[in-house]
Protein backbone atom coordinates (compact mmCIF):
# COMPACT_ATOMS: atom_id res chain seq x y z
CA MET A 1 0.00 0.00 0.00
CA GLN A 2 1.32 3.43 -0.94
CA GLN A 3 1.94 5.70 2.04
CA ILE A 4 2.37 9.41 2.69
CA LYS A 5 3.87 11.19 5.68
CA GLU A 6 1.33 13.27 7.56
CA PRO A 7 2.79 16.43 9.08
CA SER A 8 2.74 16.65 12.88
CA ARG A 9 0.37 19.13 14.49
CA THR A 10 -0.91 20.30 17.84
CA VAL A 11 -4.34 18.94 18.74
CA PRO A 12 -6.68 20.98 20.95
CA VAL A 13 -8.22 19.31 24.00
CA MET A 14 -12.00 19.19 23.65
CA ALA A 15 -12.67 17.99 27.19
CA GLU A 16 -11.39 16.23 30.28
CA THR A 17 -13.36 13.66 32.21
CA GLU A 18 -12.96 10.91 34.77
CA VAL A 19 -14.58 8.09 32.79
CA LEU A 20 -14.75 8.18 29.01
CA VAL A 21 -16.96 5.61 27.27
CA VAL A 22 -16.42 5.20 23.53
CA GLY A 23 -19.43 3.68 21.77
CA SER A 24 -23.03 3.78 22.97
CA GLY A 25 -24.55 0.43 22.09
CA PRO A 26 -26.08 -1.64 24.89
CA GLY A 27 -22.63 -2.13 26.42
CA GLY A 28 -21.47 1.46 26.19
CA LEU A 29 -24.77 2.95 27.28
CA SER A 30 -24.80 0.66 30.31
CA ALA A 31 -21.17 1.49 31.11
CA ALA A 32 -21.78 5.23 31.03
CA LEU A 33 -24.94 5.01 33.14
CA ALA A 34 -23.23 2.76 35.70
CA ALA A 35 -20.14 4.96 36.01
CA ALA A 36 -22.19 8.13 36.38
CA ARG A 37 -24.47 6.55 38.97
CA GLU A 38 -21.38 5.48 40.89
CA GLY A 39 -20.37 9.13 41.13
CA ALA A 40 -17.83 9.49 38.34
CA ASP A 41 -17.80 12.40 35.89
CA THR A 42 -18.66 10.56 32.70
CA MET A 43 -18.58 11.34 28.99
CA LEU A 44 -20.16 9.17 26.28
CA VAL A 45 -18.78 9.49 22.75
CA GLU A 46 -20.72 8.08 19.79
CA ARG A 47 -19.83 8.14 16.08
CA TYR A 48 -23.45 8.34 14.89
CA GLY A 49 -26.20 10.86 15.63
CA CYS A 50 -27.96 8.82 18.32
CA PHE A 51 -27.18 6.45 21.15
CA GLY A 52 -28.17 2.79 21.13
CA GLY A 53 -25.79 1.02 18.75
CA ASN A 54 -27.30 -2.15 17.32
CA ILE A 55 -30.71 -1.23 18.73
CA THR A 56 -31.03 2.10 16.94
CA GLN A 57 -28.54 1.80 14.08
CA ALA A 58 -28.98 -1.84 13.05
CA GLN A 59 -32.67 -1.84 14.04
CA VAL A 60 -32.35 -4.91 16.28
CA GLU A 61 -35.42 -4.75 18.49
CA THR A 62 -35.06 -8.06 20.28
CA ILE A 63 -32.85 -7.41 23.29
CA ALA A 64 -34.15 -10.44 25.26
CA TRP A 65 -35.73 -12.88 22.81
CA TYR A 66 -34.20 -15.76 24.78
CA ARG A 67 -36.34 -15.10 27.89
CA HIS A 68 -38.75 -17.82 28.96
CA GLU A 69 -40.51 -18.79 32.18
CA HIS A 70 -37.49 -20.27 33.93
CA THR A 71 -34.78 -17.95 32.58
CA VAL A 72 -32.48 -16.51 35.27
CA GLU A 73 -30.93 -13.11 34.49
CA ALA A 74 -28.64 -10.47 35.98
CA GLY A 75 -31.21 -7.68 36.01
CA GLY A 76 -29.48 -4.32 36.24
CA ILE A 77 -29.39 -1.73 33.49
CA GLY A 78 -30.19 -4.19 30.69
CA VAL A 79 -33.65 -4.91 32.06
CA GLU A 80 -33.99 -1.23 32.97
CA LEU A 81 -33.51 -0.25 29.30
CA GLU A 82 -36.31 -2.60 28.35
CA ASN A 83 -38.66 -1.42 31.12
CA ARG A 84 -37.93 2.26 30.54
CA ALA A 85 -38.70 1.92 26.84
CA LYS A 86 -41.95 0.14 27.69
CA ASP A 87 -42.97 2.85 30.16
CA MET A 88 -42.36 5.47 27.46
CA GLY A 89 -44.51 3.62 24.91
CA GLY A 90 -41.52 2.44 22.92
CA THR A 91 -41.96 -1.33 22.82
CA HIS A 92 -44.07 -4.10 21.30
CA LYS A 93 -44.65 -7.54 22.76
CA ASP A 94 -42.04 -10.02 21.61
CA PRO A 95 -43.85 -12.76 19.63
CA GLU A 96 -41.62 -15.58 20.88
CA ALA A 97 -40.52 -14.69 24.40
CA LEU A 98 -41.43 -13.08 27.73
CA ALA A 99 -39.81 -9.88 26.57
CA GLU A 100 -40.35 -6.55 24.87
CA CYS A 101 -39.20 -5.62 21.38
CA LEU A 102 -37.72 -2.13 21.47
CA ASP A 103 -38.94 0.42 18.96
CA ALA A 104 -35.65 1.38 17.30
CA ASP A 105 -36.61 4.98 16.65
CA MET A 106 -38.25 5.63 20.00
CA PHE A 107 -35.24 4.14 21.76
CA LYS A 108 -33.13 7.02 20.44
CA TYR A 109 -35.21 9.30 22.63
CA VAL A 110 -35.26 6.84 25.54
CA ALA A 111 -31.46 6.75 25.52
CA ASP A 112 -31.27 10.56 25.31
CA LYS A 113 -33.44 10.87 28.40
CA MET A 114 -31.46 8.34 30.43
CA VAL A 115 -28.14 9.94 29.50
CA GLN A 116 -29.39 13.40 30.44
CA GLU A 117 -30.91 12.22 33.72
CA ALA A 118 -27.60 10.63 34.72
CA LYS A 119 -25.78 13.90 33.92
CA ILE A 120 -23.52 12.15 31.44
CA VAL A 121 -21.80 14.50 29.00
CA PRO A 122 -22.99 13.39 25.53
CA ILE A 123 -20.89 13.73 22.37
CA LEU A 124 -22.48 12.58 19.10
CA HIS A 125 -21.11 12.61 15.54
CA CYS A 126 -17.61 12.01 16.88
CA PHE A 127 -15.23 9.27 15.71
CA ALA A 128 -12.32 7.96 17.81
CA VAL A 129 -9.25 7.67 15.57
CA GLY A 130 -6.34 7.40 18.00
CA THR A 131 -5.28 7.06 21.60
CA MET A 132 -2.97 9.00 23.89
CA MET A 133 -0.59 6.82 25.83
CA GLU A 134 2.00 7.42 28.54
CA GLY A 135 3.99 4.24 28.40
CA ASN A 136 1.34 1.54 28.71
CA VAL A 137 -1.24 3.78 30.41
CA ILE A 138 -4.09 5.19 28.32
CA LYS A 139 -4.72 8.89 28.93
CA GLY A 140 -7.42 9.63 26.40
CA ILE A 141 -8.38 9.50 22.77
CA ILE A 142 -7.98 11.50 19.57
CA THR A 143 -11.24 12.25 17.76
CA GLU A 144 -12.34 13.50 14.35
CA SER A 145 -15.62 15.33 13.84
CA LYS A 146 -17.12 18.41 12.22
CA SER A 147 -15.16 20.30 14.89
CA GLY A 148 -11.92 18.93 13.50
CA ARG A 149 -9.27 16.82 15.17
CA GLN A 150 -9.52 17.06 18.96
CA ALA A 151 -8.44 15.21 22.09
CA ILE A 152 -10.43 14.01 25.09
CA LEU A 153 -8.43 13.35 28.26
CA ALA A 154 -9.70 10.76 30.73
CA LYS A 155 -8.61 8.95 33.87
CA ARG A 156 -10.31 5.76 32.67
CA VAL A 157 -11.41 4.72 29.19
CA ILE A 158 -14.03 2.09 28.38
CA ASP A 159 -13.91 0.65 24.87
CA ALA A 160 -17.48 -0.16 23.85
CA THR A 161 -16.90 0.23 20.13
CA GLY A 162 -17.89 -3.38 19.40
CA ASP A 163 -14.76 -3.82 17.29
CA ALA A 164 -12.19 -3.24 20.08
CA ASP A 165 -11.05 -0.14 18.20
CA ILE A 166 -9.61 1.63 21.24
CA ALA A 167 -7.88 -1.49 22.54
CA HIS A 168 -6.39 -2.07 19.08
CA LEU A 169 -5.21 1.54 18.74
CA SER A 170 -3.68 1.33 22.23
CA GLY A 171 -1.60 -1.70 21.34
CA ALA A 172 -3.55 -4.13 23.51
CA PRO A 173 -3.29 -7.71 22.24
CA ASN A 174 -6.36 -8.70 20.26
CA ARG A 175 -7.44 -11.10 17.57
CA LYS A 176 -9.81 -10.74 14.66
CA ALA A 177 -12.41 -13.22 13.54
CA LEU A 178 -11.30 -14.98 10.38
CA GLY A 179 -12.65 -17.86 8.33
CA ASP A 180 -15.49 -19.69 10.03
CA GLU A 181 -15.23 -17.36 13.06
CA MET A 182 -16.32 -14.38 10.96
CA MET A 183 -20.08 -14.30 11.39
CA SER A 184 -22.39 -12.88 8.75
CA VAL A 185 -23.59 -9.27 8.72
CA THR A 186 -27.22 -8.24 8.31
CA THR A 187 -29.21 -5.41 6.78
CA SER A 188 -32.43 -5.29 8.79
CA PHE A 189 -35.48 -3.66 7.25
CA GLY A 190 -39.14 -2.97 7.88
CA CYS A 191 -42.28 -3.06 5.75
CA SER A 192 -45.51 -1.07 5.69
CA GLY A 193 -48.80 -1.94 4.03
CA VAL A 194 -49.04 -5.30 5.78
CA ASP A 195 -52.42 -6.85 6.45
CA VAL A 196 -51.49 -7.85 9.98
CA LYS A 197 -54.59 -9.95 10.67
CA ARG A 198 -54.17 -11.95 7.46
CA PHE A 199 -50.49 -12.47 8.22
CA LYS A 200 -51.16 -13.59 11.80
CA ASP A 201 -53.78 -16.02 10.53
CA TYR A 202 -51.16 -17.47 8.19
CA VAL A 203 -48.62 -17.78 11.01
CA ASN A 204 -51.16 -19.43 13.31
CA ALA A 205 -51.99 -21.95 10.58
CA ASN A 206 -48.31 -22.57 9.81
CA PRO A 207 -46.42 -22.18 13.10
CA ALA A 208 -42.65 -22.48 12.81
CA ARG A 209 -40.46 -24.40 15.24
CA LEU A 210 -37.06 -23.18 16.33
CA ALA A 211 -35.43 -26.36 15.04
CA GLU A 212 -36.35 -25.32 11.48
CA TRP A 213 -33.59 -22.72 11.37
CA ALA A 214 -31.39 -23.31 14.41
CA GLY A 215 -29.11 -26.06 13.15
CA SER A 216 -27.77 -27.73 16.29
CA THR A 217 -29.62 -27.38 19.62
CA SER A 218 -29.71 -29.04 23.02
CA GLY A 219 -33.05 -30.59 21.98
CA LYS A 220 -35.24 -28.93 24.59
CA GLU A 221 -35.81 -25.83 22.43
CA ASP A 222 -36.65 -27.64 19.18
CA ASP A 223 -40.41 -27.23 19.48
CA LEU A 224 -40.43 -23.64 20.72
CA PHE A 225 -42.37 -21.25 18.53
CA THR A 226 -40.23 -18.99 16.37
CA PRO A 227 -41.25 -16.11 14.07
CA TYR A 228 -39.50 -17.75 11.13
CA LEU A 229 -40.65 -17.92 7.52
CA GLY A 230 -38.93 -20.80 5.77
CA ALA A 231 -40.83 -22.81 3.17
CA PRO A 232 -41.98 -19.88 1.01
CA PHE A 233 -38.38 -18.81 0.45
CA ILE A 234 -37.40 -22.28 -0.70
CA ARG A 235 -40.09 -21.83 -3.32
CA ALA A 236 -38.80 -18.34 -4.16
CA LYS A 237 -35.41 -19.85 -4.96
CA GLU A 238 -36.91 -22.68 -6.96
CA GLU A 239 -38.84 -20.18 -9.07
CA GLY A 240 -35.84 -17.91 -9.56
CA LEU A 241 -37.05 -14.85 -7.68
CA ILE A 242 -34.15 -15.21 -5.25
CA PRO A 243 -30.71 -16.52 -6.35
CA LYS A 244 -30.09 -20.04 -5.09
CA ASN A 245 -26.72 -19.07 -3.59
CA MET A 246 -28.22 -16.20 -1.56
CA ARG A 247 -28.56 -17.03 2.12
CA VAL A 248 -31.97 -16.09 3.49
CA GLU A 249 -33.27 -16.56 7.04
CA VAL A 250 -36.48 -14.54 7.38
CA ILE A 251 -37.40 -13.78 10.99
CA TRP A 252 -40.02 -11.15 11.77
CA HIS A 253 -40.68 -9.43 15.07
CA SER A 254 -42.92 -6.44 15.86
CA LEU A 255 -46.22 -5.89 14.08
CA THR A 256 -48.19 -2.69 14.53
CA GLU A 257 -51.85 -1.73 14.17
CA ALA A 258 -50.72 0.63 11.40
CA GLY A 259 -49.83 -2.37 9.22
CA GLU A 260 -46.10 -2.32 9.81
CA ALA A 261 -43.59 -5.11 10.26
CA THR A 262 -40.93 -2.94 11.84
CA HIS A 263 -38.01 -5.39 12.05
CA ILE A 264 -37.37 -8.15 9.55
CA ASN A 265 -34.08 -9.95 10.07
CA ALA A 266 -33.48 -11.85 6.85
CA VAL A 267 -30.26 -10.82 5.12
CA ARG A 268 -27.02 -12.73 5.71
CA ILE A 269 -23.89 -11.43 3.94
CA HIS A 270 -20.76 -13.51 4.51
CA GLY A 271 -17.12 -12.59 4.13
CA ILE A 272 -17.41 -9.01 5.41
CA ASP A 273 -14.57 -7.75 7.61
CA PRO A 274 -16.18 -5.07 9.82
CA THR A 275 -12.79 -3.36 10.28
CA ASP A 276 -12.28 -2.87 6.51
CA VAL A 277 -14.03 0.17 5.02
CA ARG A 278 -14.25 -1.40 1.55
CA ASP A 279 -15.87 -4.52 2.98
CA LEU A 280 -18.32 -2.41 4.95
CA THR A 281 -19.24 -0.51 1.81
CA ARG A 282 -19.79 -3.75 -0.10
CA GLY A 283 -21.87 -5.16 2.76
CA GLU A 284 -24.16 -2.11 2.92
CA ILE A 285 -24.85 -2.07 -0.82
CA GLU A 286 -25.19 -5.84 -1.15
CA GLY A 287 -27.38 -6.01 1.95
CA ARG A 288 -29.87 -3.50 0.58
CA ARG A 289 -30.01 -5.37 -2.73
CA HIS A 290 -30.77 -8.61 -0.91
CA ALA A 291 -33.41 -6.92 1.23
CA ILE A 292 -35.29 -5.64 -1.83
CA LEU A 293 -35.34 -9.16 -3.30
CA ILE A 294 -36.71 -10.48 -0.01
CA VAL A 295 -39.44 -7.82 0.05
CA GLU A 296 -40.54 -8.92 -3.42
CA ALA A 297 -40.63 -12.54 -2.24
CA LEU A 298 -42.64 -11.59 0.84
CA LYS A 299 -45.20 -9.87 -1.40
CA LYS A 300 -45.50 -12.90 -3.69
CA TYR A 301 -45.45 -15.78 -1.22
CA ILE A 302 -46.57 -14.56 2.24
CA PRO A 303 -50.30 -13.89 2.89
CA GLY A 304 -50.77 -10.41 4.30
CA PHE A 305 -47.72 -8.98 2.51
CA GLU A 306 -49.35 -8.72 -0.94
CA LYS A 307 -49.48 -4.90 -0.79
CA ALA A 308 -46.45 -4.41 1.42
CA LYS A 309 -43.60 -2.09 0.55
CA LEU A 310 -40.26 -1.19 2.05
CA ARG A 311 -40.67 1.06 5.10
CA THR A 312 -37.15 1.42 6.46
CA PHE A 313 -33.61 0.17 6.01
CA ALA A 314 -31.44 -0.10 9.11
CA SER A 315 -29.01 2.84 9.22
CA SER A 316 -26.01 0.53 9.49
CA LEU A 317 -25.07 -3.10 9.05
CA GLY A 318 -25.69 -5.38 11.99
CA ILE A 319 -22.27 -6.73 12.97
CA ARG A 320 -21.85 -9.97 14.90
CA SER A 321 -18.08 -10.43 15.13
CA SER A 322 -14.78 -8.70 14.44
CA ARG A 323 -11.96 -8.07 16.92
CA LYS A 324 -11.79 -9.49 20.44
CA ILE A 325 -9.24 -8.59 23.08
CA ILE A 326 -6.90 -11.07 24.72
CA GLY A 327 -7.90 -10.59 28.33
CA GLU A 328 -6.64 -11.34 31.78
CA TYR A 329 -9.09 -14.22 31.43
CA ASN A 330 -10.49 -15.62 28.22
CA LEU A 331 -13.96 -17.11 28.51
CA THR A 332 -14.43 -20.60 27.04
CA GLU A 333 -17.17 -22.73 25.57
CA GLN A 334 -16.89 -24.95 28.63
CA ASP A 335 -17.49 -21.97 30.92
CA VAL A 336 -20.67 -20.98 29.10
CA ARG A 337 -22.05 -24.50 28.74
CA ASN A 338 -21.17 -25.72 32.24
CA GLU A 339 -22.43 -22.92 34.50
CA ALA A 340 -18.95 -21.59 35.33
CA ARG A 341 -18.45 -19.65 38.56
CA PHE A 342 -15.79 -16.98 39.12
CA GLU A 343 -14.54 -15.11 42.19
CA ASP A 344 -14.35 -11.92 40.12
CA ALA A 345 -17.91 -12.20 38.75
CA ILE A 346 -19.54 -8.89 37.79
CA GLY A 347 -22.89 -10.42 36.87
CA ILE A 348 -24.53 -13.49 35.41
CA PHE A 349 -25.93 -14.40 32.03
CA PRO A 350 -28.35 -17.22 31.20
CA GLU A 351 -27.14 -20.20 29.22
CA PHE A 352 -28.11 -18.55 25.94
CA ILE A 353 -26.02 -19.35 22.89
CA ASP A 354 -26.83 -18.24 19.36
CA GLY A 355 -24.12 -18.59 16.76
CA TYR A 356 -21.93 -20.91 14.72
CA GLY A 357 -24.81 -23.26 14.06
CA LEU A 358 -25.76 -23.74 17.71
CA VAL A 359 -28.80 -22.36 19.53
CA ILE A 360 -29.48 -23.02 23.21
CA ILE A 361 -32.41 -21.24 24.85
CA PRO A 362 -32.28 -20.81 28.66
CA THR A 363 -35.51 -22.52 29.67
CA THR A 364 -34.22 -24.43 32.71
CA GLY A 365 -32.65 -21.75 34.94
CA ARG A 366 -29.04 -22.48 34.02
CA TYR A 367 -26.59 -19.54 33.90
CA PHE A 368 -22.89 -18.73 34.05
CA GLN A 369 -21.11 -15.96 35.92
CA VAL A 370 -19.43 -13.28 33.84
CA PRO A 371 -15.85 -12.68 35.05
CA TYR A 372 -14.26 -9.25 35.31
CA GLY A 373 -11.06 -10.58 33.72
CA ILE A 374 -12.60 -10.83 30.24
CA MET A 375 -12.90 -7.01 30.18
CA VAL A 376 -9.31 -6.29 31.21
CA PRO A 377 -6.93 -6.23 28.23
CA GLN A 378 -3.36 -7.33 28.58
CA LYS A 379 -0.50 -4.79 28.55
CA VAL A 380 -2.61 -1.59 28.71
CA GLU A 381 -3.59 0.06 31.99
CA ASN A 382 -6.82 1.89 32.86
CA LEU A 383 -8.60 0.62 29.78
CA LEU A 384 -11.62 -1.66 30.10
CA VAL A 385 -13.54 -3.32 27.27
CA ALA A 386 -17.29 -3.94 27.25
CA GLY A 387 -19.66 -5.54 24.78
CA ARG A 388 -19.11 -8.13 22.11
CA CYS A 389 -15.31 -7.66 21.95
CA VAL A 390 -14.61 -9.02 25.45
CA ALA A 391 -12.11 -11.87 25.67
CA GLY A 392 -13.18 -15.40 24.85
CA ASP A 393 -13.15 -18.25 22.39
CA LYS A 394 -15.36 -18.86 19.38
CA LEU A 395 -18.39 -20.41 21.03
CA SER A 396 -18.35 -18.24 24.16
CA HIS A 397 -18.63 -15.31 21.75
CA ALA A 398 -22.03 -16.69 20.71
CA ALA A 399 -23.14 -15.82 24.26
CA THR A 400 -21.20 -12.65 25.13
CA ARG A 401 -22.10 -10.95 21.83
CA GLN A 402 -25.78 -10.95 22.82
CA MET A 403 -27.07 -7.46 23.60
CA MET A 404 -28.24 -8.24 27.12
CA CYS A 405 -24.86 -9.79 27.96
CA CYS A 406 -23.26 -6.62 26.58
CA THR A 407 -25.23 -4.66 29.18
CA VAL A 408 -23.81 -6.94 31.89
CA THR A 409 -20.20 -6.33 30.86
CA GLY A 410 -20.96 -2.65 30.28
CA GLN A 411 -22.40 -2.11 33.74
CA GLY A 412 -19.52 -4.06 35.27
CA ALA A 413 -16.95 -1.95 33.42
CA GLY A 414 -18.62 1.32 34.35
CA VAL A 415 -18.76 0.51 38.05
CA ALA A 416 -15.20 -0.86 38.09
CA ALA A 417 -13.86 2.27 36.41
CA ALA A 418 -15.58 4.52 38.95
CA VAL A 419 -14.44 2.43 41.94
CA SER A 420 -10.85 2.37 40.70
CA ILE A 421 -10.84 6.18 40.52
CA LYS A 422 -12.22 6.50 44.05
CA ASP A 423 -9.58 4.12 45.38
CA GLN A 424 -6.78 5.57 43.22
CA VAL A 425 -5.77 2.22 41.80
CA THR A 426 -5.62 0.94 38.25
CA CYS A 427 -8.50 -0.96 36.71
CA ARG A 428 -6.38 -4.10 36.90
CA GLN A 429 -5.86 -3.61 40.66
CA VAL A 430 -9.42 -2.65 41.57
CA ASN A 431 -10.96 -4.32 44.61
CA ILE A 432 -13.44 -6.78 43.09
CA SER A 433 -15.40 -7.10 46.33
CA LYS A 434 -16.09 -3.37 46.29
CA VAL A 435 -17.11 -3.56 42.64
CA GLN A 436 -19.46 -6.43 43.38
CA ARG A 437 -21.10 -4.61 46.29
CA ALA A 438 -21.60 -1.51 44.15
CA LEU A 439 -23.11 -3.58 41.35
CA GLU A 440 -25.51 -5.25 43.74
CA LYS A 441 -26.62 -1.80 44.93
CA GLN A 442 -27.31 -1.01 41.27
CA GLY A 443 -29.58 -4.05 41.04
CA VAL A 444 -27.23 -6.57 39.45
CA ARG A 445 -27.36 -10.23 40.40
CA ILE A 446 -23.80 -11.49 40.93
CA THR A 447 -24.36 -15.09 42.12
């Protein structure tokens, strides 16, 4: 690759804060709220024009579609996000679980309100492009925005970018999903003009089972209802409306009285590296093309969709995997599948796995503890990582990437950052017992 030498320059400091959270998806939003509630001056930086990450940008409404009668959860900010959205009229009943589907647009406002109430300093339309280091200690980030190139200084930084961007820029060891570890990306979309009653009648007459799309399971979830549309799309391929080599998994969620299907998760584009701008560009364009083909198939083969039309495209690709840090501890498949317990637990997560051809739904009360060590990168001090890029192996990622688990690691990181500042120790040296007590006061189940 051809290179040029960029001239050195002085960068103005935009702000100073105690805790800086970069990225505002479920993990970052939870981290910022937790840190602020623990008394730390907190700033939340987001590259887009709204908070919420996959919820608002990728239009993923289903934050807790795994929840059934006997599911055991951590509670905390994750459930609070769901309940707050419901109280503000921003949810629809999840068709397959004891959960709420979040209205992607309304959640932008819900997140605004929660950030403002917590007195978090919000910064939108701001991209982190570098880090400031003193030896191996992170001191802040370099940003680019309409205001130009600026710096934000911080005592603690939480990387909630989803792609471990800050950890990577800081020199923290990390690895990137390659080959069969690189999960597909999705362009979610919504439709209007749906005859909801006619569609529901069709679904009731042709109920889908989870085993129809899940691949491998534990067996107990095979007969659970799932909002999946399979057979008609086999026909669409046979008749040439959809290319035979195009992967399609049509799952619908919220339906409104206005005749809208607000979130259809159907597109699967493989081979996209979410850290490569050319791949991202290809994924966005290809994803929209696939979505339009699927809309045409819905109109032709699904009762109730005959007069439907495209309502919305998600604002950004839904990303499932990219970089992950190498942590002080690296979570394993065995941990997730065997109810692992850890002395440094910062919360729990039900035995919910969705990825790499395996789906396990937590219907029997099983759960694993989430260890603090998976958020602590090696070699860099006062940096914590929350969300899908925490440390772990391939199959554990199929659990920790889930949005509600991201809220668990986010809340844990936010509290730990605040406690470490109070005690004047590094994040690596923080007193875990104090962190656990603070998390319990914030409503998190630890054991």
